[in-house]
N, C-alpha and C. Protein backbone atom coordinates (compact mmCIF):
# COMPACT_ATOMS: atom_id res chain seq x y z
N UNK A 1 0.84 -1.19 0.00
CA UNK A 1 0.00 0.00 0.00
C UNK A 1 0.88 1.25 0.00
N UNK A 2 0.44 2.25 -0.75
CA UNK A 2 1.19 3.50 -0.80
C UNK A 2 0.90 4.33 0.45
N UNK A 3 1.93 4.97 0.97
CA UNK A 3 1.80 5.82 2.16
C UNK A 3 1.78 7.27 1.70
N UNK A 4 0.77 8.00 2.09
CA UNK A 4 0.65 9.38 1.68
C UNK A 4 1.49 10.29 2.58
N UNK A 5 1.71 11.48 2.07
CA UNK A 5 2.49 12.46 2.84
C UNK A 5 1.76 12.86 4.12
N UNK A 6 0.44 12.91 4.05
CA UNK A 6 -0.34 13.28 5.24
C UNK A 6 -0.23 12.22 6.32
N UNK A 7 -0.16 10.94 5.94
CA UNK A 7 0.01 9.88 6.93
C UNK A 7 1.36 9.99 7.63
N UNK A 8 2.41 10.30 6.86
CA UNK A 8 3.73 10.51 7.46
C UNK A 8 3.70 11.70 8.41
N UNK A 9 3.00 12.75 8.00
CA UNK A 9 2.90 13.94 8.85
C UNK A 9 2.18 13.62 10.16
N UNK A 10 1.15 12.79 10.09
CA UNK A 10 0.44 12.41 11.32
C UNK A 10 1.34 11.65 12.29
N UNK A 11 2.24 10.82 11.75
CA UNK A 11 3.17 10.08 12.61
C UNK A 11 4.13 11.03 13.30
N UNK A 12 4.70 11.98 12.54
CA UNK A 12 5.67 12.90 13.12
C UNK A 12 5.02 13.88 14.10
N UNK A 13 3.75 14.17 13.90
CA UNK A 13 3.06 15.11 14.78
C UNK A 13 2.35 14.42 15.94
N UNK A 14 2.49 13.12 16.05
CA UNK A 14 1.80 12.38 17.11
C UNK A 14 2.44 12.65 18.47
N UNK A 15 1.65 12.46 19.51
CA UNK A 15 2.14 12.66 20.87
C UNK A 15 3.19 11.62 21.24
N UNK A 16 3.05 10.41 20.71
CA UNK A 16 4.01 9.35 21.03
C UNK A 16 5.40 9.70 20.52
N UNK A 17 5.50 10.20 19.28
CA UNK A 17 6.81 10.57 18.75
C UNK A 17 7.39 11.74 19.53
N UNK A 18 6.55 12.70 19.88
CA UNK A 18 7.04 13.83 20.66
C UNK A 18 7.54 13.38 22.03
N UNK A 19 6.87 12.39 22.60
CA UNK A 19 7.32 11.83 23.88
C UNK A 19 8.67 11.15 23.72
N UNK A 20 8.84 10.41 22.62
CA UNK A 20 10.13 9.74 22.38
C UNK A 20 11.25 10.74 22.17
N UNK A 21 10.97 11.83 21.47
CA UNK A 21 11.99 12.87 21.25
C UNK A 21 12.38 13.50 22.58
N UNK A 22 11.41 13.76 23.44
CA UNK A 22 11.72 14.33 24.75
C UNK A 22 12.55 13.37 25.60
N UNK A 23 12.27 12.06 25.48
CA UNK A 23 13.07 11.08 26.21
C UNK A 23 14.51 11.06 25.71
N UNK A 24 14.69 11.17 24.40
CA UNK A 24 16.06 11.23 23.84
C UNK A 24 16.77 12.48 24.34
N UNK A 25 16.05 13.60 24.38
CA UNK A 25 16.65 14.85 24.85
C UNK A 25 17.04 14.74 26.33
N UNK A 26 16.17 14.16 27.14
CA UNK A 26 16.49 13.99 28.56
C UNK A 26 17.67 13.05 28.76
N UNK A 27 17.71 11.95 27.98
CA UNK A 27 18.83 11.01 28.11
C UNK A 27 20.14 11.68 27.72
N UNK A 28 20.13 12.45 26.63
CA UNK A 28 21.35 13.13 26.20
C UNK A 28 21.79 14.15 27.25
N UNK A 29 20.84 14.84 27.87
CA UNK A 29 21.20 15.80 28.91
C UNK A 29 21.80 15.10 30.13
N UNK A 30 21.24 13.93 30.47
CA UNK A 30 21.79 13.18 31.60
C UNK A 30 23.20 12.69 31.30
N UNK A 31 23.42 12.20 30.08
CA UNK A 31 24.76 11.74 29.71
C UNK A 31 25.74 12.90 29.73
N UNK A 32 25.32 14.04 29.19
CA UNK A 32 26.21 15.20 29.16
C UNK A 32 26.49 15.69 30.58
N UNK A 33 25.46 15.68 31.44
CA UNK A 33 25.67 16.11 32.82
C UNK A 33 26.61 15.15 33.56
N UNK A 34 26.42 13.83 33.32
CA UNK A 34 27.33 12.87 33.95
C UNK A 34 28.75 13.01 33.45
N UNK A 35 28.91 13.29 32.15
CA UNK A 35 30.25 13.50 31.62
C UNK A 35 30.93 14.71 32.22
N UNK A 36 30.15 15.77 32.44
CA UNK A 36 30.72 16.97 33.06
C UNK A 36 31.12 16.70 34.51
N UNK A 37 30.33 15.90 35.21
CA UNK A 37 30.69 15.57 36.60
C UNK A 37 31.99 14.77 36.65
N UNK A 38 32.14 13.80 35.74
CA UNK A 38 33.39 13.02 35.70
C UNK A 38 34.56 13.93 35.35
N UNK A 39 34.34 14.82 34.39
CA UNK A 39 35.40 15.75 33.98
C UNK A 39 35.82 16.63 35.16
N UNK A 40 34.82 17.17 35.84
CA UNK A 40 35.13 18.01 37.00
C UNK A 40 35.75 17.19 38.13
N UNK A 41 35.38 15.90 38.23
CA UNK A 41 35.96 15.03 39.26
C UNK A 41 37.45 14.84 39.05
N UNK A 42 37.88 14.66 37.79
CA UNK A 42 39.31 14.55 37.52
C UNK A 42 40.04 15.84 37.89
N UNK A 43 39.42 16.97 37.63
CA UNK A 43 40.05 18.25 37.99
C UNK A 43 40.17 18.39 39.50
N UNK A 44 39.10 18.03 40.22
CA UNK A 44 39.16 18.10 41.68
C UNK A 44 40.18 17.12 42.25
N UNK A 45 40.29 15.93 41.64
CA UNK A 45 41.27 14.95 42.10
C UNK A 45 42.69 15.45 41.86
N UNK A 46 42.90 16.14 40.77
CA UNK A 46 44.22 16.72 40.50
C UNK A 46 44.57 17.77 41.55
N UNK A 47 43.61 18.59 41.91
CA UNK A 47 43.88 19.61 42.93
C UNK A 47 44.16 18.97 44.29
N UNK A 48 43.42 17.92 44.62
CA UNK A 48 43.65 17.24 45.90
C UNK A 48 45.04 16.59 45.92
N UNK A 49 45.44 15.98 44.82
CA UNK A 49 46.77 15.35 44.76
C UNK A 49 47.86 16.39 44.90
N UNK A 50 47.70 17.52 44.27
CA UNK A 50 48.71 18.58 44.39
C UNK A 50 48.78 19.11 45.83
N UNK A 51 47.63 19.16 46.50
CA UNK A 51 47.65 19.61 47.90
C UNK A 51 48.42 18.63 48.78
N UNK A 52 48.22 17.33 48.54
CA UNK A 52 48.95 16.32 49.32
C UNK A 52 50.44 16.40 49.05
N UNK A 53 50.80 16.49 47.75
CA UNK A 53 52.22 16.60 47.42
C UNK A 53 52.83 17.89 47.97
N UNK A 54 52.04 18.92 48.03
CA UNK A 54 52.56 20.18 48.59
C UNK A 54 52.90 20.01 50.08
N UNK A 55 52.03 19.33 50.82
CA UNK A 55 52.32 19.10 52.24
C UNK A 55 53.54 18.21 52.42
N UNK A 56 53.73 17.25 51.51
CA UNK A 56 54.86 16.33 51.64
C UNK A 56 56.17 17.01 51.30
N UNK A 57 56.17 17.79 50.24
CA UNK A 57 57.44 18.34 49.74
C UNK A 57 57.80 19.68 50.35
N UNK A 58 56.85 20.42 50.82
CA UNK A 58 57.15 21.76 51.31
C UNK A 58 57.23 21.83 52.84
N UNK A 59 57.14 20.70 53.49
CA UNK A 59 57.31 20.68 54.95
C UNK A 59 58.81 20.67 55.26
N UNK A 60 59.30 21.77 55.80
CA UNK A 60 60.75 21.89 56.05
C UNK A 60 61.22 20.92 57.13
N UNK A 61 60.35 20.53 58.02
CA UNK A 61 60.75 19.59 59.07
C UNK A 61 61.05 18.21 58.53
N UNK A 62 60.50 17.90 57.37
CA UNK A 62 60.72 16.58 56.78
C UNK A 62 61.93 16.53 55.86
N UNK A 63 62.47 17.67 55.51
CA UNK A 63 63.60 17.68 54.58
C UNK A 63 64.81 16.94 55.17
N UNK A 64 65.07 17.18 56.46
CA UNK A 64 66.22 16.49 57.09
C UNK A 64 65.99 14.98 57.12
N UNK A 65 64.77 14.58 57.35
CA UNK A 65 64.47 13.15 57.36
C UNK A 65 64.66 12.55 55.98
N UNK A 66 64.23 13.26 54.93
CA UNK A 66 64.40 12.75 53.57
C UNK A 66 65.89 12.61 53.23
N UNK A 67 66.66 13.60 53.72
CA UNK A 67 68.11 13.53 53.46
C UNK A 67 68.74 12.36 54.21
N UNK A 68 68.29 12.19 55.44
CA UNK A 68 68.83 11.10 56.25
C UNK A 68 68.49 9.75 55.63
N UNK A 69 67.26 9.62 55.14
CA UNK A 69 66.84 8.37 54.52
C UNK A 69 67.29 8.27 53.06
N UNK A 70 67.89 9.33 52.58
CA UNK A 70 68.38 9.36 51.20
C UNK A 70 67.24 9.12 50.19
N UNK A 71 66.10 9.75 50.50
CA UNK A 71 64.94 9.68 49.58
C UNK A 71 65.03 10.90 48.66
N UNK A 72 65.78 10.75 47.62
CA UNK A 72 66.04 11.88 46.72
C UNK A 72 64.79 12.30 45.93
N UNK A 73 63.86 11.34 45.72
CA UNK A 73 62.65 11.68 44.95
C UNK A 73 61.81 12.74 45.64
N UNK A 74 61.93 12.82 46.99
CA UNK A 74 61.14 13.79 47.74
C UNK A 74 61.89 15.08 48.00
N UNK A 75 63.06 15.19 47.45
CA UNK A 75 63.85 16.40 47.63
C UNK A 75 63.78 17.32 46.42
N UNK A 76 62.96 16.96 45.44
CA UNK A 76 62.81 17.80 44.24
C UNK A 76 61.84 18.92 44.55
N UNK A 77 61.87 20.00 43.76
CA UNK A 77 60.95 21.12 43.99
C UNK A 77 59.49 20.69 43.76
N UNK A 78 58.60 21.30 44.50
CA UNK A 78 57.17 20.96 44.37
C UNK A 78 56.64 21.28 42.99
N UNK A 79 57.09 22.36 42.38
CA UNK A 79 56.60 22.75 41.06
C UNK A 79 56.85 21.66 40.02
N UNK A 80 57.98 20.97 40.16
CA UNK A 80 58.29 19.89 39.23
C UNK A 80 57.32 18.72 39.39
N UNK A 81 57.09 18.33 40.66
CA UNK A 81 56.15 17.24 40.93
C UNK A 81 54.72 17.65 40.55
N UNK A 82 54.36 18.87 40.84
CA UNK A 82 53.01 19.35 40.52
C UNK A 82 52.76 19.33 39.02
N UNK A 83 53.76 19.71 38.26
CA UNK A 83 53.61 19.70 36.80
C UNK A 83 53.43 18.27 36.28
N UNK A 84 54.22 17.33 36.84
CA UNK A 84 54.13 15.94 36.41
C UNK A 84 52.78 15.34 36.78
N UNK A 85 52.33 15.59 38.01
CA UNK A 85 51.05 15.05 38.46
C UNK A 85 49.89 15.63 37.65
N UNK A 86 49.94 16.94 37.45
CA UNK A 86 48.86 17.59 36.69
C UNK A 86 48.81 17.08 35.25
N UNK A 87 49.98 16.88 34.65
CA UNK A 87 50.01 16.38 33.28
C UNK A 87 49.41 14.99 33.18
N UNK A 88 49.70 14.12 34.16
CA UNK A 88 49.13 12.77 34.15
C UNK A 88 47.62 12.78 34.36
N UNK A 89 47.16 13.60 35.30
CA UNK A 89 45.73 13.68 35.53
C UNK A 89 44.98 14.24 34.32
N UNK A 90 45.57 15.25 33.70
CA UNK A 90 44.92 15.81 32.52
C UNK A 90 44.85 14.80 31.38
N UNK A 91 45.88 13.99 31.24
CA UNK A 91 45.88 12.96 30.20
C UNK A 91 44.80 11.93 30.48
N UNK A 92 44.70 11.49 31.74
CA UNK A 92 43.66 10.53 32.10
C UNK A 92 42.26 11.14 31.91
N UNK A 93 42.14 12.39 32.29
CA UNK A 93 40.83 13.05 32.17
C UNK A 93 40.40 13.16 30.71
N UNK A 94 41.30 13.60 29.85
CA UNK A 94 40.95 13.78 28.44
C UNK A 94 40.73 12.45 27.71
N UNK A 95 41.51 11.43 28.07
CA UNK A 95 41.36 10.14 27.40
C UNK A 95 40.08 9.43 27.82
N UNK A 96 39.54 9.77 28.99
CA UNK A 96 38.31 9.14 29.47
C UNK A 96 37.12 10.10 29.46
N UNK A 97 37.24 11.15 28.69
CA UNK A 97 36.16 12.14 28.62
C UNK A 97 35.07 11.63 27.67
N UNK A 98 33.93 11.28 28.23
CA UNK A 98 32.83 10.76 27.42
C UNK A 98 32.20 11.83 26.54
N UNK A 99 32.40 13.09 26.90
CA UNK A 99 31.83 14.17 26.09
C UNK A 99 32.44 14.21 24.69
N UNK A 100 33.69 13.74 24.57
CA UNK A 100 34.31 13.69 23.24
C UNK A 100 33.61 12.68 22.34
N UNK A 101 33.12 11.60 22.96
CA UNK A 101 32.39 10.59 22.18
C UNK A 101 31.01 11.10 21.80
N UNK A 102 30.33 11.75 22.74
CA UNK A 102 29.00 12.28 22.47
C UNK A 102 29.05 13.43 21.48
N UNK A 103 30.04 14.30 21.67
CA UNK A 103 30.20 15.43 20.76
C UNK A 103 28.94 16.27 20.68
N UNK A 104 28.60 16.63 19.44
CA UNK A 104 27.40 17.43 19.20
C UNK A 104 26.33 16.63 18.45
N UNK A 105 26.48 15.30 18.50
CA UNK A 105 25.56 14.46 17.73
C UNK A 105 24.13 14.56 18.27
N UNK A 106 23.97 14.65 19.58
CA UNK A 106 22.62 14.73 20.13
C UNK A 106 21.92 16.01 19.72
N UNK A 107 22.65 17.12 19.76
CA UNK A 107 22.04 18.40 19.35
C UNK A 107 21.69 18.38 17.87
N UNK A 108 22.56 17.78 17.06
CA UNK A 108 22.30 17.68 15.62
C UNK A 108 21.04 16.87 15.35
N UNK A 109 20.92 15.72 16.01
CA UNK A 109 19.76 14.86 15.82
C UNK A 109 18.48 15.54 16.28
N UNK A 110 18.50 16.11 17.48
CA UNK A 110 17.30 16.72 18.03
C UNK A 110 16.88 17.96 17.24
N UNK A 111 17.85 18.72 16.77
CA UNK A 111 17.52 19.91 15.98
C UNK A 111 16.79 19.54 14.69
N UNK A 112 17.28 18.51 14.02
CA UNK A 112 16.65 18.10 12.76
C UNK A 112 15.31 17.40 13.01
N UNK A 113 15.18 16.69 14.12
CA UNK A 113 13.89 16.10 14.45
C UNK A 113 12.84 17.18 14.72
N UNK A 114 13.23 18.21 15.46
CA UNK A 114 12.31 19.31 15.73
C UNK A 114 11.92 20.02 14.43
N UNK A 115 12.90 20.18 13.54
CA UNK A 115 12.60 20.82 12.25
C UNK A 115 11.64 19.97 11.43
N UNK A 116 11.84 18.65 11.44
CA UNK A 116 10.96 17.76 10.70
C UNK A 116 9.54 17.78 11.27
N UNK A 117 9.43 17.77 12.59
CA UNK A 117 8.11 17.82 13.23
C UNK A 117 7.39 19.12 12.87
N UNK A 118 8.13 20.24 12.87
CA UNK A 118 7.51 21.52 12.52
C UNK A 118 7.02 21.52 11.07
N UNK A 119 7.80 20.95 10.16
CA UNK A 119 7.39 20.89 8.75
C UNK A 119 6.17 19.99 8.57
N UNK A 120 6.13 18.87 9.29
CA UNK A 120 4.99 17.97 9.17
C UNK A 120 3.72 18.60 9.75
N UNK A 121 3.86 19.41 10.80
CA UNK A 121 2.70 20.12 11.32
C UNK A 121 2.19 21.14 10.32
N UNK A 122 3.11 21.76 9.56
CA UNK A 122 2.69 22.68 8.51
C UNK A 122 1.93 21.94 7.41
N UNK A 123 2.37 20.72 7.11
CA UNK A 123 1.66 19.92 6.10
C UNK A 123 0.22 19.64 6.55
N UNK A 124 0.07 19.29 7.83
CA UNK A 124 -1.28 19.03 8.36
C UNK A 124 -2.13 20.29 8.32
N UNK A 125 -1.53 21.42 8.69
CA UNK A 125 -2.29 22.68 8.68
C UNK A 125 -2.70 23.06 7.26
N UNK A 126 -1.81 22.82 6.29
CA UNK A 126 -2.13 23.16 4.90
C UNK A 126 -3.21 22.27 4.31
N UNK A 127 -3.40 21.08 4.88
CA UNK A 127 -4.39 20.15 4.34
C UNK A 127 -5.80 20.44 4.85
N UNK A 128 -5.93 21.36 5.79
CA UNK A 128 -7.24 21.69 6.35
C UNK A 128 -7.92 22.72 5.45
N UNK A 129 -9.11 22.39 4.93
CA UNK A 129 -9.85 23.30 4.05
C UNK A 129 -10.82 24.12 4.88
N UNK A 130 -10.30 25.14 5.55
CA UNK A 130 -11.14 25.99 6.36
C UNK A 130 -11.41 27.31 5.64
N UNK A 131 -12.05 28.22 6.35
CA UNK A 131 -12.39 29.51 5.76
C UNK A 131 -11.15 30.29 5.37
N UNK A 132 -10.12 30.22 6.19
CA UNK A 132 -8.88 30.94 5.90
C UNK A 132 -8.22 30.40 4.64
N UNK A 133 -8.22 29.07 4.47
CA UNK A 133 -7.63 28.47 3.27
C UNK A 133 -8.40 28.89 2.02
N UNK A 134 -9.73 28.86 2.10
CA UNK A 134 -10.53 29.26 0.94
C UNK A 134 -10.33 30.73 0.60
N UNK A 135 -10.17 31.56 1.62
CA UNK A 135 -9.98 32.98 1.39
C UNK A 135 -8.64 33.27 0.72
N UNK A 136 -7.63 32.49 1.05
CA UNK A 136 -6.29 32.72 0.52
C UNK A 136 -6.04 32.04 -0.81
N UNK A 137 -6.85 31.04 -1.17
CA UNK A 137 -6.55 30.24 -2.36
C UNK A 137 -7.64 30.26 -3.42
N UNK A 138 -8.81 30.85 -3.13
CA UNK A 138 -9.89 30.87 -4.11
C UNK A 138 -10.32 32.31 -4.34
N UNK A 139 -10.63 32.64 -5.58
CA UNK A 139 -11.06 33.98 -5.97
C UNK A 139 -12.52 33.93 -6.38
N UNK A 140 -13.32 34.80 -5.81
CA UNK A 140 -14.74 34.84 -6.13
C UNK A 140 -14.96 35.82 -7.27
N UNK A 141 -15.60 35.37 -8.33
CA UNK A 141 -15.88 36.19 -9.50
C UNK A 141 -17.38 36.20 -9.76
N UNK A 142 -17.91 37.40 -10.06
CA UNK A 142 -19.30 37.54 -10.48
C UNK A 142 -19.32 37.65 -12.00
N UNK A 143 -19.93 36.69 -12.67
CA UNK A 143 -19.96 36.63 -14.13
C UNK A 143 -21.35 37.03 -14.61
N UNK A 144 -21.40 38.02 -15.50
CA UNK A 144 -22.66 38.48 -16.09
C UNK A 144 -22.65 38.16 -17.58
N UNK A 145 -23.84 37.82 -18.13
CA UNK A 145 -23.94 37.54 -19.56
C UNK A 145 -25.26 38.10 -20.08
N UNK A 146 -25.27 38.44 -21.37
CA UNK A 146 -26.46 39.00 -21.99
C UNK A 146 -27.55 37.94 -22.12
N UNK A 147 -28.79 38.43 -22.02
CA UNK A 147 -29.91 37.51 -22.17
C UNK A 147 -30.04 37.10 -23.63
N UNK A 148 -30.19 35.87 -23.89
CA UNK A 148 -30.25 35.35 -25.25
C UNK A 148 -31.63 34.74 -25.51
N UNK A 149 -32.09 34.92 -26.77
CA UNK A 149 -33.34 34.30 -27.18
C UNK A 149 -33.10 32.86 -27.59
N UNK A 150 -34.19 32.16 -27.71
CA UNK A 150 -34.06 30.77 -28.09
C UNK A 150 -35.22 30.41 -29.01
N UNK A 151 -35.03 29.44 -29.83
CA UNK A 151 -36.02 28.95 -30.80
C UNK A 151 -36.39 27.53 -30.44
N UNK A 152 -37.68 27.31 -30.31
CA UNK A 152 -38.16 25.98 -29.95
C UNK A 152 -38.67 25.28 -31.20
N UNK A 153 -38.11 24.15 -31.50
CA UNK A 153 -38.48 23.35 -32.67
C UNK A 153 -39.28 22.16 -32.19
N UNK A 154 -40.52 22.06 -32.69
CA UNK A 154 -41.41 20.96 -32.30
C UNK A 154 -41.65 20.08 -33.52
N UNK A 155 -41.48 18.85 -33.39
CA UNK A 155 -41.68 17.91 -34.50
C UNK A 155 -43.13 17.42 -34.50
N UNK A 156 -43.79 17.61 -35.62
CA UNK A 156 -45.18 17.19 -35.76
C UNK A 156 -45.34 16.35 -37.01
N UNK A 157 -46.38 15.54 -37.02
CA UNK A 157 -46.67 14.70 -38.20
C UNK A 157 -47.23 15.56 -39.33
N UNK A 158 -46.69 15.45 -40.53
CA UNK A 158 -47.13 16.23 -41.70
C UNK A 158 -48.09 15.47 -42.61
N UNK A 159 -48.29 14.23 -42.43
CA UNK A 159 -49.15 13.41 -43.31
C UNK A 159 -49.92 12.43 -42.43
N UNK A 160 -51.18 12.79 -42.16
CA UNK A 160 -51.99 11.96 -41.28
C UNK A 160 -52.94 11.08 -42.09
N UNK A 161 -53.78 10.36 -41.39
CA UNK A 161 -54.71 9.42 -42.05
C UNK A 161 -55.75 10.16 -42.90
N UNK A 162 -56.20 11.29 -42.37
CA UNK A 162 -57.21 12.06 -43.11
C UNK A 162 -56.66 12.53 -44.46
N UNK A 163 -55.43 12.99 -44.45
CA UNK A 163 -54.82 13.42 -45.71
C UNK A 163 -54.66 12.25 -46.67
N UNK A 164 -54.37 11.07 -46.11
CA UNK A 164 -54.23 9.89 -46.97
C UNK A 164 -55.55 9.57 -47.67
N UNK A 165 -56.66 9.58 -46.91
CA UNK A 165 -57.97 9.30 -47.53
C UNK A 165 -58.34 10.37 -48.55
N UNK A 166 -57.97 11.60 -48.24
CA UNK A 166 -58.25 12.68 -49.20
C UNK A 166 -57.51 12.45 -50.51
N UNK A 167 -56.25 12.06 -50.40
CA UNK A 167 -55.48 11.79 -51.62
C UNK A 167 -56.05 10.62 -52.40
N UNK A 168 -56.45 9.58 -51.66
CA UNK A 168 -57.04 8.41 -52.34
C UNK A 168 -58.36 8.80 -53.03
N UNK A 169 -59.21 9.56 -52.32
CA UNK A 169 -60.48 9.99 -52.91
C UNK A 169 -60.27 10.87 -54.13
N UNK A 170 -59.32 11.78 -54.02
CA UNK A 170 -59.05 12.64 -55.16
C UNK A 170 -58.56 11.87 -56.37
N UNK A 171 -57.72 10.89 -56.11
CA UNK A 171 -57.21 10.08 -57.22
C UNK A 171 -58.33 9.28 -57.88
N UNK A 172 -59.19 8.69 -57.03
CA UNK A 172 -60.32 7.93 -57.59
C UNK A 172 -61.27 8.84 -58.37
N UNK A 173 -61.51 10.02 -57.84
CA UNK A 173 -62.38 10.96 -58.56
C UNK A 173 -61.77 11.36 -59.89
N UNK A 174 -60.46 11.53 -59.88
CA UNK A 174 -59.79 11.88 -61.13
C UNK A 174 -59.95 10.79 -62.18
N UNK A 175 -59.70 9.56 -61.73
CA UNK A 175 -59.86 8.44 -62.68
C UNK A 175 -61.32 8.28 -63.11
N UNK A 176 -62.25 8.46 -62.16
CA UNK A 176 -63.66 8.32 -62.50
C UNK A 176 -64.11 9.41 -63.48
N UNK A 177 -63.67 10.63 -63.24
CA UNK A 177 -64.01 11.73 -64.15
C UNK A 177 -63.47 11.49 -65.55
N UNK A 178 -62.26 10.97 -65.61
CA UNK A 178 -61.67 10.68 -66.92
C UNK A 178 -62.44 9.59 -67.63
N UNK A 179 -62.93 8.62 -66.90
CA UNK A 179 -63.70 7.52 -67.51
C UNK A 179 -65.02 8.03 -68.06
N UNK A 180 -65.73 8.86 -67.30
CA UNK A 180 -67.01 9.41 -67.75
C UNK A 180 -66.81 10.27 -68.99
N UNK A 181 -65.75 11.09 -68.95
CA UNK A 181 -65.47 11.95 -70.09
C UNK A 181 -65.18 11.13 -71.34
N UNK A 182 -64.44 10.07 -71.18
CA UNK A 182 -64.13 9.20 -72.32
C UNK A 182 -65.40 8.55 -72.85
N UNK A 183 -66.28 8.12 -71.96
CA UNK A 183 -67.53 7.49 -72.38
C UNK A 183 -68.40 8.48 -73.15
N UNK A 184 -68.45 9.73 -72.66
CA UNK A 184 -69.25 10.75 -73.34
C UNK A 184 -68.69 11.03 -74.73
N UNK A 185 -67.38 11.08 -74.82
CA UNK A 185 -66.76 11.33 -76.11
C UNK A 185 -67.06 10.19 -77.08
N UNK A 186 -67.03 8.96 -76.59
CA UNK A 186 -67.34 7.82 -77.46
C UNK A 186 -68.80 7.88 -77.94
N UNK A 187 -69.73 8.23 -77.03
CA UNK A 187 -71.12 8.36 -77.42
C UNK A 187 -71.30 9.47 -78.44
N UNK A 188 -70.59 10.58 -78.20
CA UNK A 188 -70.67 11.70 -79.13
C UNK A 188 -70.15 11.29 -80.50
N UNK A 189 -69.06 10.54 -80.49
CA UNK A 189 -68.49 10.10 -81.77
C UNK A 189 -69.45 9.16 -82.49
N UNK A 190 -70.07 8.23 -81.76
CA UNK A 190 -71.01 7.29 -82.40
C UNK A 190 -72.24 8.00 -82.94
N UNK A 191 -72.76 8.96 -82.11
CA UNK A 191 -73.93 9.72 -82.54
C UNK A 191 -73.61 10.55 -83.76
N UNK A 192 -72.50 11.20 -83.75
CA UNK A 192 -72.10 12.03 -84.88
C UNK A 192 -71.94 11.18 -86.14
N UNK A 193 -71.37 10.00 -85.99
CA UNK A 193 -71.18 9.12 -87.14
C UNK A 193 -72.52 8.64 -87.67
N UNK A 194 -73.46 8.35 -86.78
CA UNK A 194 -74.78 7.88 -87.23
C UNK A 194 -75.52 8.97 -87.97
N UNK A 195 -75.52 10.19 -87.46
CA UNK A 195 -76.18 11.32 -88.12
C UNK A 195 -75.55 11.57 -89.47
N UNK A 196 -74.27 11.46 -89.51
CA UNK A 196 -73.58 11.70 -90.78
C UNK A 196 -74.02 10.69 -91.82
N UNK A 197 -74.16 9.47 -91.43
CA UNK A 197 -74.57 8.44 -92.38
C UNK A 197 -76.00 8.67 -92.84
N UNK A 198 -76.86 9.09 -91.91
CA UNK A 198 -78.25 9.32 -92.29
C UNK A 198 -78.38 10.50 -93.24
N UNK A 199 -77.68 11.51 -93.01
CA UNK A 199 -77.79 12.70 -93.84
C UNK A 199 -77.15 12.50 -95.18
N UNK A 200 -76.23 11.72 -95.28
CA UNK A 200 -75.54 11.56 -96.55
C UNK A 200 -76.03 10.35 -97.32
N UNK A 201 -76.84 9.52 -96.75
CA UNK A 201 -77.33 8.34 -97.47
C UNK A 201 -78.37 8.72 -98.49
N UNK A 202 -79.23 9.75 -98.27
CA UNK A 202 -80.24 10.17 -99.21
C UNK A 202 -79.61 10.81 -100.43
N UNK A 203 -78.66 11.58 -100.25
CA UNK A 203 -77.98 12.23 -101.37
C UNK A 203 -77.31 11.24 -102.27
N UNK A 204 -76.83 10.18 -101.75
CA UNK A 204 -76.11 9.20 -102.55
C UNK A 204 -77.08 8.43 -103.40
N UNK A 205 -78.36 8.17 -102.94
CA UNK A 205 -79.34 7.46 -103.72
C UNK A 205 -79.85 8.35 -104.84
């Protein structure tokens, strides 16, 4: 199934993800705070060691004893021992500094997660079709047009049964009239021929 952008935005904007991000932020802060305590602990231990060495080396009453016992290591100046001790403690402190491992990775991750959450919330806000969205994205136009006339075409029958009978009657009357006229002409021709024969038969005799 395809995952839509809005579904991804809902996941990033969920309370559960925000809770997880806050837990990561709290864990990173605890680690950073613990690293700072360890770092400061090495510094405090260095100061305590220097204080002890100062009491050992700068006590004038013990110098004769060191000479008598031929402990030459304790007859050196305190500044020399302090420099050596401080250098060793600083090396141990820096080599075991957990903050160097953590670096700025937590801030980088959390900053980009917060940025992603903000962008996904904008996606959700942009998907809401409210009055503000319609006002900013749709333009209302009033369109006017001239009134137009229209022609209505109605289909009607042009040749009905009555017209058919009229045509048939007219045709029959035409044929009947022609027949009567022909009959009259034939009678006229026969009558004319008979009269002609009667009138001309006497003259011939």
